[in-house]
Amino acid sequence: MKTKELKVRSTEELEKLYIEFCQKRQQLNFRVASRQQKNVRELRDAVKTIARILTILKEREIEKK
């Protein structure tokens, strides 16, 4: 997901997405390790999306103060 798409979402939605992408990352990591998944880029994209979500959540937390 792109940063623009994530910034539009509410904090609750971002927290749900964070949980979803963490589970997706775990599944992809297992598949890559067991060589069932050939496309490693999906794993990389999931990790980057998690980082984007956490960054946006942190920015919102700082703005509240």
C-alpha atoms as a PDB file:
ATOM      1  CA  MET A   1       0.000   0.000   0.000  1.00  0.00           C
ATOM      2  CA  LYS A   2       1.121   3.500  -0.677  1.00  0.00           C
ATOM      3  CA  THR A   3       1.603   6.118   2.005  1.00  0.00           C
ATOM      4  CA  LYS A   4      -1.174   8.319   0.613  1.00  0.00           C
ATOM      5  CA  GLU A   5      -3.659   5.449   0.907  1.00  0.00           C
ATOM      6  CA  LEU A   6      -2.627   4.795   4.492  1.00  0.00           C
ATOM      7  CA  LYS A   7      -2.765   8.410   5.671  1.00  0.00           C
ATOM      8  CA  VAL A   8      -6.453   8.624   4.720  1.00  0.00           C
ATOM      9  CA  ARG A   9      -7.401   5.735   6.995  1.00  0.00           C
ATOM     10  CA  SER A  10      -8.356   6.094  10.646  1.00  0.00           C
ATOM     11  CA  THR A  11      -6.136   5.001  13.509  1.00  0.00           C
ATOM     12  CA  GLU A  12      -8.321   1.972  14.225  1.00  0.00           C
ATOM     13  CA  GLU A  13      -8.140   0.853  10.602  1.00  0.00           C
ATOM     14  CA  LEU A  14      -4.366   1.245  10.630  1.00  0.00           C
ATOM     15  CA  GLU A  15      -4.086  -0.887  13.749  1.00  0.00           C
ATOM     16  CA  LYS A  16      -6.171  -3.622  12.095  1.00  0.00           C
ATOM     17  CA  LEU A  17      -4.038  -3.404   8.949  1.00  0.00           C
ATOM     18  CA  TYR A  18      -0.908  -3.649  11.084  1.00  0.00           C
ATOM     19  CA  ILE A  19      -2.134  -6.916  12.585  1.00  0.00           C
ATOM     20  CA  GLU A  20      -3.104  -8.253   9.139  1.00  0.00           C
ATOM     21  CA  PHE A  21       0.261  -7.408   7.599  1.00  0.00           C
ATOM     22  CA  CYS A  22       2.162  -8.901  10.540  1.00  0.00           C
ATOM     23  CA  GLN A  23       0.300 -12.171  10.020  1.00  0.00           C
ATOM     24  CA  LYS A  24       0.874 -11.969   6.274  1.00  0.00           C
ATOM     25  CA  ARG A  25       4.596 -11.330   6.840  1.00  0.00           C
ATOM     26  CA  GLN A  26       4.826 -14.333   9.130  1.00  0.00           C
ATOM     27  CA  GLN A  27       3.115 -16.597   6.568  1.00  0.00           C
ATOM     28  CA  LEU A  28       5.263 -15.306   3.714  1.00  0.00           C
ATOM     29  CA  ASN A  29       8.414 -15.693   5.785  1.00  0.00           C
ATOM     30  CA  PHE A  30       7.533 -19.319   6.482  1.00  0.00           C
ATOM     31  CA  ARG A  31       6.762 -19.996   2.818  1.00  0.00           C
ATOM     32  CA  VAL A  32      10.008 -18.413   1.647  1.00  0.00           C
ATOM     33  CA  ALA A  33      12.006 -20.365   4.218  1.00  0.00           C
ATOM     34  CA  SER A  34      10.416 -23.640   3.137  1.00  0.00           C
ATOM     35  CA  ARG A  35      10.859 -22.675  -0.533  1.00  0.00           C
ATOM     36  CA  GLN A  36       7.144 -22.809  -1.297  1.00  0.00           C
ATOM     37  CA  GLN A  37       7.104 -19.119  -2.173  1.00  0.00           C
ATOM     38  CA  LYS A  38       9.192 -18.062  -5.148  1.00  0.00           C
ATOM     39  CA  ASN A  39       8.322 -14.359  -5.059  1.00  0.00           C
ATOM     40  CA  VAL A  40      10.410 -12.883  -2.248  1.00  0.00           C
ATOM     41  CA  ARG A  41       9.325  -9.366  -3.212  1.00  0.00           C
ATOM     42  CA  GLU A  42       5.930  -9.903  -1.552  1.00  0.00           C
ATOM     43  CA  LEU A  43       7.680 -10.388   1.771  1.00  0.00           C
ATOM     44  CA  ARG A  44       9.702  -7.226   1.263  1.00  0.00           C
ATOM     45  CA  ASP A  45       6.577  -5.243   0.360  1.00  0.00           C
ATOM     46  CA  ALA A  46       4.782  -6.497   3.473  1.00  0.00           C
ATOM     47  CA  VAL A  47       7.674  -5.417   5.695  1.00  0.00           C
ATOM     48  CA  LYS A  48       7.750  -1.969   4.080  1.00  0.00           C
ATOM     49  CA  THR A  49       4.001  -1.560   4.507  1.00  0.00           C
ATOM     50  CA  ILE A  50       4.319  -2.443   8.194  1.00  0.00           C
ATOM     51  CA  ALA A  51       7.011   0.230   8.540  1.00  0.00           C
ATOM     52  CA  ARG A  52       4.786   2.789   6.804  1.00  0.00           C
ATOM     53  CA  ILE A  53       1.856   1.996   9.104  1.00  0.00           C
ATOM     54  CA  LEU A  54       4.008   2.299  12.220  1.00  0.00           C
ATOM     55  CA  THR A  55       5.451   5.592  10.985  1.00  0.00           C
ATOM     56  CA  ILE A  56       2.005   7.092  10.414  1.00  0.00           C
ATOM     57  CA  LEU A  57       0.791   5.895  13.822  1.00  0.00           C
ATOM     58  CA  LYS A  58       3.853   7.425  15.486  1.00  0.00           C
ATOM     59  CA  GLU A  59       3.339  10.734  13.631  1.00  0.00           C
ATOM     60  CA  ARG A  60      -0.255  10.888  14.831  1.00  0.00           C
ATOM     61  CA  GLU A  61       0.831  10.146  18.385  1.00  0.00           C
ATOM     62  CA  ILE A  62       3.340  13.014  18.269  1.00  0.00           C
ATOM     63  CA  GLU A  63       0.733  15.415  16.820  1.00  0.00           C
ATOM     64  CA  LYS A  64      -1.595  14.718  19.757  1.00  0.00           C
ATOM     65  CA  LYS A  65       0.989  16.003  22.234  1.00  0.00           C
END
